[in-house]
Amino acid sequence: LEKELGYTLFQRSRTGAVLTPKGEQIY
């Protein structure tokens, strides 16, 4: 999905996944 959209949706880490600004926009 991220590849199709052309941007990252989540910042991934060992502790979880947080929406990026673009992710927050489309949520």
mmCIF file of all heavy atoms, coordinates in Angstrom:
data_MODEL
# 
_entry.id   MODEL 
# 
loop_
_atom_site.group_PDB 
_atom_site.id 
_atom_site.type_symbol 
_atom_site.label_atom_id 
_atom_site.label_alt_id 
_atom_site.label_comp_id 
_atom_site.label_asym_id 
_atom_site.label_entity_id 
_atom_site.label_seq_id 
_atom_site.pdbx_PDB_ins_code 
_atom_site.Cartn_x 
_atom_site.Cartn_y 
_atom_site.Cartn_z 
_atom_site.occupancy 
_atom_site.B_iso_or_equiv 
_atom_site.pdbx_formal_charge 
_atom_site.auth_seq_id 
_atom_site.auth_comp_id 
_atom_site.auth_asym_id 
_atom_site.auth_atom_id 
_atom_site.pdbx_PDB_model_num 
ATOM 1   N N   . LEU A 1 1  ? 0.832  -1.200 0.000  1.00 0.00 ? 1  LEU A N   1 
ATOM 2   C CA  . LEU A 1 1  ? 0.000  0.000  0.000  1.00 0.00 ? 1  LEU A CA  1 
ATOM 3   C C   . LEU A 1 1  ? 0.870  1.255  0.000  1.00 0.00 ? 1  LEU A C   1 
ATOM 4   O O   . LEU A 1 1  ? 0.616  2.197  -0.761 1.00 0.00 ? 1  LEU A O   1 
ATOM 5   C CB  . LEU A 1 1  ? -0.934 -0.010 1.219  1.00 0.00 ? 1  LEU A CB  1 
ATOM 6   C CG  . LEU A 1 1  ? -1.831 1.209  1.401  1.00 0.00 ? 1  LEU A CG  1 
ATOM 7   C CD1 . LEU A 1 1  ? -2.764 1.395  0.211  1.00 0.00 ? 1  LEU A CD1 1 
ATOM 8   C CD2 . LEU A 1 1  ? -2.623 1.086  2.699  1.00 0.00 ? 1  LEU A CD2 1 
ATOM 9   N N   . GLU A 1 2  ? 1.906  1.256  0.829  1.00 0.00 ? 2  GLU A N   1 
ATOM 10  C CA  . GLU A 1 2  ? 2.820  2.398  0.877  1.00 0.00 ? 2  GLU A CA  1 
ATOM 11  C C   . GLU A 1 2  ? 3.508  2.614  -0.471 1.00 0.00 ? 2  GLU A C   1 
ATOM 12  O O   . GLU A 1 2  ? 3.641  3.759  -0.927 1.00 0.00 ? 2  GLU A O   1 
ATOM 13  C CB  . GLU A 1 2  ? 3.867  2.194  1.979  1.00 0.00 ? 2  GLU A CB  1 
ATOM 14  C CG  . GLU A 1 2  ? 3.293  2.303  3.380  1.00 0.00 ? 2  GLU A CG  1 
ATOM 15  C CD  . GLU A 1 2  ? 4.273  1.946  4.473  1.00 0.00 ? 2  GLU A CD  1 
ATOM 16  O OE1 . GLU A 1 2  ? 5.149  1.070  4.251  1.00 0.00 ? 2  GLU A OE1 1 
ATOM 17  O OE2 . GLU A 1 2  ? 4.164  2.538  5.561  1.00 0.00 ? 2  GLU A OE2 1 
ATOM 18  N N   . LYS A 1 3  ? 3.889  1.545  -1.116 1.00 0.00 ? 3  LYS A N   1 
ATOM 19  C CA  . LYS A 1 3  ? 4.527  1.656  -2.429 1.00 0.00 ? 3  LYS A CA  1 
ATOM 20  C C   . LYS A 1 3  ? 3.554  2.256  -3.444 1.00 0.00 ? 3  LYS A C   1 
ATOM 21  O O   . LYS A 1 3  ? 3.914  3.135  -4.226 1.00 0.00 ? 3  LYS A O   1 
ATOM 22  C CB  . LYS A 1 3  ? 5.022  0.290  -2.901 1.00 0.00 ? 3  LYS A CB  1 
ATOM 23  C CG  . LYS A 1 3  ? 5.765  0.336  -4.204 1.00 0.00 ? 3  LYS A CG  1 
ATOM 24  C CD  . LYS A 1 3  ? 6.318  -1.013 -4.586 1.00 0.00 ? 3  LYS A CD  1 
ATOM 25  C CE  . LYS A 1 3  ? 7.070  -0.920 -5.901 1.00 0.00 ? 3  LYS A CE  1 
ATOM 26  N NZ  . LYS A 1 3  ? 7.602  -2.205 -6.333 1.00 0.00 ? 3  LYS A NZ  1 
ATOM 27  N N   . GLU A 1 4  ? 2.324  1.779  -3.414 1.00 0.00 ? 4  GLU A N   1 
ATOM 28  C CA  . GLU A 1 4  ? 1.305  2.292  -4.336 1.00 0.00 ? 4  GLU A CA  1 
ATOM 29  C C   . GLU A 1 4  ? 1.031  3.779  -4.089 1.00 0.00 ? 4  GLU A C   1 
ATOM 30  O O   . GLU A 1 4  ? 0.894  4.557  -5.035 1.00 0.00 ? 4  GLU A O   1 
ATOM 31  C CB  . GLU A 1 4  ? 0.011  1.492  -4.174 1.00 0.00 ? 4  GLU A CB  1 
ATOM 32  C CG  . GLU A 1 4  ? -1.102 1.939  -5.080 1.00 0.00 ? 4  GLU A CG  1 
ATOM 33  C CD  . GLU A 1 4  ? -2.370 1.125  -4.931 1.00 0.00 ? 4  GLU A CD  1 
ATOM 34  O OE1 . GLU A 1 4  ? -2.349 0.049  -4.306 1.00 0.00 ? 4  GLU A OE1 1 
ATOM 35  O OE2 . GLU A 1 4  ? -3.406 1.581  -5.450 1.00 0.00 ? 4  GLU A OE2 1 
ATOM 36  N N   . LEU A 1 5  ? 0.955  4.162  -2.820 1.00 0.00 ? 5  LEU A N   1 
ATOM 37  C CA  . LEU A 1 5  ? 0.672  5.562  -2.484 1.00 0.00 ? 5  LEU A CA  1 
ATOM 38  C C   . LEU A 1 5  ? 1.877  6.477  -2.700 1.00 0.00 ? 5  LEU A C   1 
ATOM 39  O O   . LEU A 1 5  ? 1.724  7.664  -2.940 1.00 0.00 ? 5  LEU A O   1 
ATOM 40  C CB  . LEU A 1 5  ? 0.210  5.667  -1.024 1.00 0.00 ? 5  LEU A CB  1 
ATOM 41  C CG  . LEU A 1 5  ? -1.119 5.004  -0.687 1.00 0.00 ? 5  LEU A CG  1 
ATOM 42  C CD1 . LEU A 1 5  ? -1.370 5.050  0.810  1.00 0.00 ? 5  LEU A CD1 1 
ATOM 43  C CD2 . LEU A 1 5  ? -2.258 5.664  -1.450 1.00 0.00 ? 5  LEU A CD2 1 
ATOM 44  N N   . GLY A 1 6  ? 3.073  5.901  -2.543 1.00 0.00 ? 6  GLY A N   1 
ATOM 45  C CA  . GLY A 1 6  ? 4.276  6.687  -2.734 1.00 0.00 ? 6  GLY A CA  1 
ATOM 46  C C   . GLY A 1 6  ? 4.775  7.372  -1.479 1.00 0.00 ? 6  GLY A C   1 
ATOM 47  O O   . GLY A 1 6  ? 5.597  8.291  -1.565 1.00 0.00 ? 6  GLY A O   1 
ATOM 48  N N   . TYR A 1 7  ? 4.283  6.943  -0.342 1.00 0.00 ? 7  TYR A N   1 
ATOM 49  C CA  . TYR A 1 7  ? 4.764  7.487  0.926  1.00 0.00 ? 7  TYR A CA  1 
ATOM 50  C C   . TYR A 1 7  ? 4.570  6.486  2.053  1.00 0.00 ? 7  TYR A C   1 
ATOM 51  O O   . TYR A 1 7  ? 3.765  5.563  1.955  1.00 0.00 ? 7  TYR A O   1 
ATOM 52  C CB  . TYR A 1 7  ? 4.110  8.826  1.275  1.00 0.00 ? 7  TYR A CB  1 
ATOM 53  C CG  . TYR A 1 7  ? 2.598  8.875  1.159  1.00 0.00 ? 7  TYR A CG  1 
ATOM 54  C CD1 . TYR A 1 7  ? 1.775  8.411  2.182  1.00 0.00 ? 7  TYR A CD1 1 
ATOM 55  C CD2 . TYR A 1 7  ? 1.989  9.413  0.024  1.00 0.00 ? 7  TYR A CD2 1 
ATOM 56  C CE1 . TYR A 1 7  ? 0.404  8.473  2.075  1.00 0.00 ? 7  TYR A CE1 1 
ATOM 57  C CE2 . TYR A 1 7  ? 0.608  9.471  -0.086 1.00 0.00 ? 7  TYR A CE2 1 
ATOM 58  C CZ  . TYR A 1 7  ? -0.181 9.015  0.945  1.00 0.00 ? 7  TYR A CZ  1 
ATOM 59  O OH  . TYR A 1 7  ? -1.540 9.075  0.844  1.00 0.00 ? 7  TYR A OH  1 
ATOM 60  N N   . THR A 1 8  ? 5.337  6.707  3.124  1.00 0.00 ? 8  THR A N   1 
ATOM 61  C CA  . THR A 1 8  ? 5.318  5.832  4.296  1.00 0.00 ? 8  THR A CA  1 
ATOM 62  C C   . THR A 1 8  ? 4.143  6.211  5.200  1.00 0.00 ? 8  THR A C   1 
ATOM 63  O O   . THR A 1 8  ? 3.892  7.401  5.426  1.00 0.00 ? 8  THR A O   1 
ATOM 64  C CB  . THR A 1 8  ? 6.642  5.964  5.076  1.00 0.00 ? 8  THR A CB  1 
ATOM 65  O OG1 . THR A 1 8  ? 7.714  5.672  4.176  1.00 0.00 ? 8  THR A OG1 1 
ATOM 66  C CG2 . THR A 1 8  ? 6.693  5.005  6.249  1.00 0.00 ? 8  THR A CG2 1 
ATOM 67  N N   . LEU A 1 9  ? 3.453  5.210  5.711  1.00 0.00 ? 9  LEU A N   1 
ATOM 68  C CA  . LEU A 1 9  ? 2.298  5.441  6.582  1.00 0.00 ? 9  LEU A CA  1 
ATOM 69  C C   . LEU A 1 9  ? 2.637  5.360  8.061  1.00 0.00 ? 9  LEU A C   1 
ATOM 70  O O   . LEU A 1 9  ? 1.986  6.001  8.883  1.00 0.00 ? 9  LEU A O   1 
ATOM 71  C CB  . LEU A 1 9  ? 1.197  4.426  6.259  1.00 0.00 ? 9  LEU A CB  1 
ATOM 72  C CG  . LEU A 1 9  ? 0.635  4.513  4.841  1.00 0.00 ? 9  LEU A CG  1 
ATOM 73  C CD1 . LEU A 1 9  ? -0.264 3.324  4.555  1.00 0.00 ? 9  LEU A CD1 1 
ATOM 74  C CD2 . LEU A 1 9  ? -0.103 5.824  4.651  1.00 0.00 ? 9  LEU A CD2 1 
ATOM 75  N N   . PHE A 1 10 ? 3.651  4.545  8.390  1.00 0.00 ? 10 PHE A N   1 
ATOM 76  C CA  . PHE A 1 10 ? 3.999  4.309  9.792  1.00 0.00 ? 10 PHE A CA  1 
ATOM 77  C C   . PHE A 1 10 ? 5.494  4.482  10.022 1.00 0.00 ? 10 PHE A C   1 
ATOM 78  O O   . PHE A 1 10 ? 6.303  4.113  9.182  1.00 0.00 ? 10 PHE A O   1 
ATOM 79  C CB  . PHE A 1 10 ? 3.612  2.883  10.220 1.00 0.00 ? 10 PHE A CB  1 
ATOM 80  C CG  . PHE A 1 10 ? 2.143  2.613  10.180 1.00 0.00 ? 10 PHE A CG  1 
ATOM 81  C CD1 . PHE A 1 10 ? 1.581  1.939  9.108  1.00 0.00 ? 10 PHE A CD1 1 
ATOM 82  C CD2 . PHE A 1 10 ? 1.316  3.031  11.209 1.00 0.00 ? 10 PHE A CD2 1 
ATOM 83  C CE1 . PHE A 1 10 ? 0.225  1.689  9.056  1.00 0.00 ? 10 PHE A CE1 1 
ATOM 84  C CE2 . PHE A 1 10 ? -0.043 2.781  11.167 1.00 0.00 ? 10 PHE A CE2 1 
ATOM 85  C CZ  . PHE A 1 10 ? -0.593 2.107  10.088 1.00 0.00 ? 10 PHE A CZ  1 
ATOM 86  N N   . GLN A 1 11 ? 5.819  4.999  11.194 1.00 0.00 ? 11 GLN A N   1 
ATOM 87  C CA  . GLN A 1 11 ? 7.183  4.939  11.690 1.00 0.00 ? 11 GLN A CA  1 
ATOM 88  C C   . GLN A 1 11 ? 7.234  3.669  12.528 1.00 0.00 ? 11 GLN A C   1 
ATOM 89  O O   . GLN A 1 11 ? 6.503  3.539  13.511 1.00 0.00 ? 11 GLN A O   1 
ATOM 90  C CB  . GLN A 1 11 ? 7.508  6.158  12.555 1.00 0.00 ? 11 GLN A CB  1 
ATOM 91  C CG  . GLN A 1 11 ? 7.562  7.440  11.785 1.00 0.00 ? 11 GLN A CG  1 
ATOM 92  C CD  . GLN A 1 11 ? 7.811  8.629  12.698 1.00 0.00 ? 11 GLN A CD  1 
ATOM 93  O OE1 . GLN A 1 11 ? 7.575  8.589  13.893 1.00 0.00 ? 11 GLN A OE1 1 
ATOM 94  N NE2 . GLN A 1 11 ? 8.286  9.706  12.105 1.00 0.00 ? 11 GLN A NE2 1 
ATOM 95  N N   . ARG A 1 12 ? 8.050  2.727  12.101 1.00 0.00 ? 12 ARG A N   1 
ATOM 96  C CA  . ARG A 1 12 ? 8.123  1.434  12.760 1.00 0.00 ? 12 ARG A CA  1 
ATOM 97  C C   . ARG A 1 12 ? 9.289  1.413  13.745 1.00 0.00 ? 12 ARG A C   1 
ATOM 98  O O   . ARG A 1 12 ? 10.351 1.940  13.458 1.00 0.00 ? 12 ARG A O   1 
ATOM 99  C CB  . ARG A 1 12 ? 8.293  0.327  11.728 1.00 0.00 ? 12 ARG A CB  1 
ATOM 100 C CG  . ARG A 1 12 ? 7.119  0.183  10.765 1.00 0.00 ? 12 ARG A CG  1 
ATOM 101 C CD  . ARG A 1 12 ? 7.595  -0.419 9.449  1.00 0.00 ? 12 ARG A CD  1 
ATOM 102 N NE  . ARG A 1 12 ? 6.537  -0.782 8.534  1.00 0.00 ? 12 ARG A NE  1 
ATOM 103 C CZ  . ARG A 1 12 ? 6.005  0.041  7.646  1.00 0.00 ? 12 ARG A CZ  1 
ATOM 104 N NH1 . ARG A 1 12 ? 6.418  1.289  7.563  1.00 0.00 ? 12 ARG A NH1 1 
ATOM 105 N NH2 . ARG A 1 12 ? 5.053  -0.385 6.825  1.00 0.00 ? 12 ARG A NH2 1 
ATOM 106 N N   . SER A 1 13 ? 9.053  0.775  14.898 1.00 0.00 ? 13 SER A N   1 
ATOM 107 C CA  . SER A 1 13 ? 10.122 0.587  15.872 1.00 0.00 ? 13 SER A CA  1 
ATOM 108 C C   . SER A 1 13 ? 9.839  -0.697 16.646 1.00 0.00 ? 13 SER A C   1 
ATOM 109 O O   . SER A 1 13 ? 8.791  -1.317 16.474 1.00 0.00 ? 13 SER A O   1 
ATOM 110 C CB  . SER A 1 13 ? 10.206 1.775  16.835 1.00 0.00 ? 13 SER A CB  1 
ATOM 111 O OG  . SER A 1 13 ? 9.103  1.774  17.723 1.00 0.00 ? 13 SER A OG  1 
ATOM 112 N N   . ARG A 1 14 ? 10.758 -1.071 17.489 1.00 0.00 ? 14 ARG A N   1 
ATOM 113 C CA  . ARG A 1 14 ? 10.547 -2.280 18.308 1.00 0.00 ? 14 ARG A CA  1 
ATOM 114 C C   . ARG A 1 14 ? 9.354  -2.131 19.234 1.00 0.00 ? 14 ARG A C   1 
ATOM 115 O O   . ARG A 1 14 ? 8.739  -3.107 19.621 1.00 0.00 ? 14 ARG A O   1 
ATOM 116 C CB  . ARG A 1 14 ? 11.788 -2.567 19.148 1.00 0.00 ? 14 ARG A CB  1 
ATOM 117 C CG  . ARG A 1 14 ? 12.948 -3.063 18.359 1.00 0.00 ? 14 ARG A CG  1 
ATOM 118 C CD  . ARG A 1 14 ? 14.076 -3.394 19.274 1.00 0.00 ? 14 ARG A CD  1 
ATOM 119 N NE  . ARG A 1 14 ? 15.242 -3.824 18.509 1.00 0.00 ? 14 ARG A NE  1 
ATOM 120 C CZ  . ARG A 1 14 ? 16.302 -4.323 19.052 1.00 0.00 ? 14 ARG A CZ  1 
ATOM 121 N NH1 . ARG A 1 14 ? 16.402 -4.443 20.355 1.00 0.00 ? 14 ARG A NH1 1 
ATOM 122 N NH2 . ARG A 1 14 ? 17.304 -4.698 18.289 1.00 0.00 ? 14 ARG A NH2 1 
ATOM 123 N N   . THR A 1 15 ? 9.046  -0.896 19.600 1.00 0.00 ? 15 THR A N   1 
ATOM 124 C CA  . THR A 1 15 ? 7.958  -0.668 20.555 1.00 0.00 ? 15 THR A CA  1 
ATOM 125 C C   . THR A 1 15 ? 6.608  -0.450 19.904 1.00 0.00 ? 15 THR A C   1 
ATOM 126 O O   . THR A 1 15 ? 5.607  -0.337 20.593 1.00 0.00 ? 15 THR A O   1 
ATOM 127 C CB  . THR A 1 15 ? 8.278  0.544  21.457 1.00 0.00 ? 15 THR A CB  1 
ATOM 128 O OG1 . THR A 1 15 ? 8.467  1.691  20.625 1.00 0.00 ? 15 THR A OG1 1 
ATOM 129 C CG2 . THR A 1 15 ? 9.519  0.295  22.292 1.00 0.00 ? 15 THR A CG2 1 
ATOM 130 N N   . GLY A 1 16 ? 6.558  -0.377 18.571 1.00 0.00 ? 16 GLY A N   1 
ATOM 131 C CA  . GLY A 1 16 ? 5.271  -0.231 17.917 1.00 0.00 ? 16 GLY A CA  1 
ATOM 132 C C   . GLY A 1 16 ? 5.339  0.486  16.592 1.00 0.00 ? 16 GLY A C   1 
ATOM 133 O O   . GLY A 1 16 ? 6.399  0.598  15.975 1.00 0.00 ? 16 GLY A O   1 
ATOM 134 N N   . ALA A 1 17 ? 4.194  0.994  16.193 1.00 0.00 ? 17 ALA A N   1 
ATOM 135 C CA  . ALA A 1 17 ? 4.049  1.685  14.916 1.00 0.00 ? 17 ALA A CA  1 
ATOM 136 C C   . ALA A 1 17 ? 3.244  2.961  15.150 1.00 0.00 ? 17 ALA A C   1 
ATOM 137 O O   . ALA A 1 17 ? 2.149  2.907  15.705 1.00 0.00 ? 17 ALA A O   1 
ATOM 138 C CB  . ALA A 1 17 ? 3.342  0.791  13.906 1.00 0.00 ? 17 ALA A CB  1 
ATOM 139 N N   . VAL A 1 18 ? 3.810  4.080  14.734 1.00 0.00 ? 18 VAL A N   1 
ATOM 140 C CA  . VAL A 1 18 ? 3.163  5.373  14.905 1.00 0.00 ? 18 VAL A CA  1 
ATOM 141 C C   . VAL A 1 18 ? 2.917  5.959  13.521 1.00 0.00 ? 18 VAL A C   1 
ATOM 142 O O   . VAL A 1 18 ? 3.766  5.857  12.627 1.00 0.00 ? 18 VAL A O   1 
ATOM 143 C CB  . VAL A 1 18 ? 4.053  6.325  15.741 1.00 0.00 ? 18 VAL A CB  1 
ATOM 144 C CG1 . VAL A 1 18 ? 3.413  7.689  15.896 1.00 0.00 ? 18 VAL A CG1 1 
ATOM 145 C CG2 . VAL A 1 18 ? 4.362  5.712  17.094 1.00 0.00 ? 18 VAL A CG2 1 
ATOM 146 N N   . LEU A 1 19 ? 1.766  6.572  13.344 1.00 0.00 ? 19 LEU A N   1 
ATOM 147 C CA  . LEU A 1 19 ? 1.457  7.182  12.062 1.00 0.00 ? 19 LEU A CA  1 
ATOM 148 C C   . LEU A 1 19 ? 2.441  8.295  11.728 1.00 0.00 ? 19 LEU A C   1 
ATOM 149 O O   . LEU A 1 19 ? 2.806  9.097  12.589 1.00 0.00 ? 19 LEU A O   1 
ATOM 150 C CB  . LEU A 1 19 ? 0.041  7.768  12.082 1.00 0.00 ? 19 LEU A CB  1 
ATOM 151 C CG  . LEU A 1 19 ? -1.112 6.777  12.060 1.00 0.00 ? 19 LEU A CG  1 
ATOM 152 C CD1 . LEU A 1 19 ? -2.425 7.505  12.310 1.00 0.00 ? 19 LEU A CD1 1 
ATOM 153 C CD2 . LEU A 1 19 ? -1.167 6.019  10.756 1.00 0.00 ? 19 LEU A CD2 1 
ATOM 154 N N   . THR A 1 20 ? 2.856  8.328  10.469 1.00 0.00 ? 20 THR A N   1 
ATOM 155 C CA  . THR A 1 20 ? 3.644  9.444  9.962  1.00 0.00 ? 20 THR A CA  1 
ATOM 156 C C   . THR A 1 20 ? 2.678  10.612 9.722  1.00 0.00 ? 20 THR A C   1 
ATOM 157 O O   . THR A 1 20 ? 1.445  10.427 9.772  1.00 0.00 ? 20 THR A O   1 
ATOM 158 C CB  . THR A 1 20 ? 4.320  9.075  8.626  1.00 0.00 ? 20 THR A CB  1 
ATOM 159 O OG1 . THR A 1 20 ? 3.296  8.788  7.670  1.00 0.00 ? 20 THR A OG1 1 
ATOM 160 C CG2 . THR A 1 20 ? 5.267  7.901  8.774  1.00 0.00 ? 20 THR A CG2 1 
ATOM 161 N N   . PRO A 1 21 ? 3.181  11.797 9.431  1.00 0.00 ? 21 PRO A N   1 
ATOM 162 C CA  . PRO A 1 21 ? 2.263  12.903 9.098  1.00 0.00 ? 21 PRO A CA  1 
ATOM 163 C C   . PRO A 1 21 ? 1.312  12.562 7.947  1.00 0.00 ? 21 PRO A C   1 
ATOM 164 O O   . PRO A 1 21 ? 0.124  12.885 8.011  1.00 0.00 ? 21 PRO A O   1 
ATOM 165 C CB  . PRO A 1 21 ? 3.217  14.052 8.729  1.00 0.00 ? 21 PRO A CB  1 
ATOM 166 C CG  . PRO A 1 21 ? 4.425  13.790 9.591  1.00 0.00 ? 21 PRO A CG  1 
ATOM 167 C CD  . PRO A 1 21 ? 4.568  12.274 9.576  1.00 0.00 ? 21 PRO A CD  1 
ATOM 168 N N   . LYS A 1 22 ? 1.800  11.883 6.915  1.00 0.00 ? 22 LYS A N   1 
ATOM 169 C CA  . LYS A 1 22 ? 0.916  11.458 5.808  1.00 0.00 ? 22 LYS A CA  1 
ATOM 170 C C   . LYS A 1 22 ? -0.107 10.432 6.298  1.00 0.00 ? 22 LYS A C   1 
ATOM 171 O O   . LYS A 1 22 ? -1.269 10.461 5.904  1.00 0.00 ? 22 LYS A O   1 
ATOM 172 C CB  . LYS A 1 22 ? 1.715  10.868 4.646  1.00 0.00 ? 22 LYS A CB  1 
ATOM 173 C CG  . LYS A 1 22 ? 2.457  11.885 3.833  1.00 0.00 ? 22 LYS A CG  1 
ATOM 174 C CD  . LYS A 1 22 ? 1.528  12.633 2.924  1.00 0.00 ? 22 LYS A CD  1 
ATOM 175 C CE  . LYS A 1 22 ? 2.343  13.451 1.942  1.00 0.00 ? 22 LYS A CE  1 
ATOM 176 N NZ  . LYS A 1 22 ? 1.523  14.322 1.139  1.00 0.00 ? 22 LYS A NZ  1 
ATOM 177 N N   . GLY A 1 23 ? 0.330  9.515  7.157  1.00 0.00 ? 23 GLY A N   1 
ATOM 178 C CA  . GLY A 1 23 ? -0.577 8.539  7.734  1.00 0.00 ? 23 GLY A CA  1 
ATOM 179 C C   . GLY A 1 23 ? -1.676 9.209  8.535  1.00 0.00 ? 23 GLY A C   1 
ATOM 180 O O   . GLY A 1 23 ? -2.854 8.834  8.452  1.00 0.00 ? 23 GLY A O   1 
ATOM 181 N N   . GLU A 1 24 ? -1.314 10.227 9.310  1.00 0.00 ? 24 GLU A N   1 
ATOM 182 C CA  . GLU A 1 24 ? -2.303 10.989 10.075 1.00 0.00 ? 24 GLU A CA  1 
ATOM 183 C C   . GLU A 1 24 ? -3.273 11.704 9.156  1.00 0.00 ? 24 GLU A C   1 
ATOM 184 O O   . GLU A 1 24 ? -4.460 11.810 9.461  1.00 0.00 ? 24 GLU A O   1 
ATOM 185 C CB  . GLU A 1 24 ? -1.604 12.007 10.979 1.00 0.00 ? 24 GLU A CB  1 
ATOM 186 C CG  . GLU A 1 24 ? -0.881 11.376 12.150 1.00 0.00 ? 24 GLU A CG  1 
ATOM 187 C CD  . GLU A 1 24 ? -0.153 12.394 13.016 1.00 0.00 ? 24 GLU A CD  1 
ATOM 188 O OE1 . GLU A 1 24 ? -0.348 13.621 12.819 1.00 0.00 ? 24 GLU A OE1 1 
ATOM 189 O OE2 . GLU A 1 24 ? 0.608  11.958 13.890 1.00 0.00 ? 24 GLU A OE2 1 
ATOM 190 N N   . GLN A 1 25 ? -2.771 12.164 8.023  1.00 0.00 ? 25 GLN A N   1 
ATOM 191 C CA  . GLN A 1 25 ? -3.612 12.855 7.050  1.00 0.00 ? 25 GLN A CA  1 
ATOM 192 C C   . GLN A 1 25 ? -4.667 11.943 6.452  1.00 0.00 ? 25 GLN A C   1 
ATOM 193 O O   . GLN A 1 25 ? -5.817 12.341 6.275  1.00 0.00 ? 25 GLN A O   1 
ATOM 194 C CB  . GLN A 1 25 ? -2.742 13.408 5.925  1.00 0.00 ? 25 GLN A CB  1 
ATOM 195 C CG  . GLN A 1 25 ? -2.772 14.881 5.780  1.00 0.00 ? 25 GLN A CG  1 
ATOM 196 C CD  . GLN A 1 25 ? -1.894 15.324 4.615  1.00 0.00 ? 25 GLN A CD  1 
ATOM 197 O OE1 . GLN A 1 25 ? -0.840 14.742 4.326  1.00 0.00 ? 25 GLN A OE1 1 
ATOM 198 N NE2 . GLN A 1 25 ? -2.318 16.360 3.951  1.00 0.00 ? 25 GLN A NE2 1 
ATOM 199 N N   . ILE A 1 26 ? -4.269 10.718 6.116  1.00 0.00 ? 26 ILE A N   1 
ATOM 200 C CA  . ILE A 1 26 ? -5.231 9.847  5.438  1.00 0.00 ? 26 ILE A CA  1 
ATOM 201 C C   . ILE A 1 26 ? -6.102 9.049  6.407  1.00 0.00 ? 26 ILE A C   1 
ATOM 202 O O   . ILE A 1 26 ? -7.121 8.500  6.005  1.00 0.00 ? 26 ILE A O   1 
ATOM 203 C CB  . ILE A 1 26 ? -4.564 8.899  4.419  1.00 0.00 ? 26 ILE A CB  1 
ATOM 204 C CG1 . ILE A 1 26 ? -3.774 7.792  5.099  1.00 0.00 ? 26 ILE A CG1 1 
ATOM 205 C CG2 . ILE A 1 26 ? -3.726 9.663  3.422  1.00 0.00 ? 26 ILE A CG2 1 
ATOM 206 C CD1 . ILE A 1 26 ? -3.465 6.635  4.186  1.00 0.00 ? 26 ILE A CD1 1 
ATOM 207 N N   . TYR A 1 27 ? -5.728 8.990  7.685  1.00 0.00 ? 27 TYR A N   1 
ATOM 208 C CA  . TYR A 1 27 ? -6.491 8.187  8.642  1.00 0.00 ? 27 TYR A CA  1 
ATOM 209 C C   . TYR A 1 27 ? -7.982 8.541  8.661  1.00 0.00 ? 27 TYR A C   1 
ATOM 210 O O   . TYR A 1 27 ? -8.828 7.637  8.534  1.00 0.00 ? 27 TYR A O   1 
ATOM 211 C CB  . TYR A 1 27 ? -5.883 8.286  10.040 1.00 0.00 ? 27 TYR A CB  1 
ATOM 212 C CG  . TYR A 1 27 ? -6.580 7.416  11.054 1.00 0.00 ? 27 TYR A CG  1 
ATOM 213 C CD1 . TYR A 1 27 ? -6.414 6.034  11.052 1.00 0.00 ? 27 TYR A CD1 1 
ATOM 214 C CD2 . TYR A 1 27 ? -7.423 7.966  11.996 1.00 0.00 ? 27 TYR A CD2 1 
ATOM 215 C CE1 . TYR A 1 27 ? -7.060 5.230  11.976 1.00 0.00 ? 27 TYR A CE1 1 
ATOM 216 C CE2 . TYR A 1 27 ? -8.080 7.164  12.929 1.00 0.00 ? 27 TYR A CE2 1 
ATOM 217 C CZ  . TYR A 1 27 ? -7.892 5.811  12.914 1.00 0.00 ? 27 TYR A CZ  1 
ATOM 218 O OH  . TYR A 1 27 ? -8.538 5.014  13.819 1.00 0.00 ? 27 TYR A OH  1 
# 
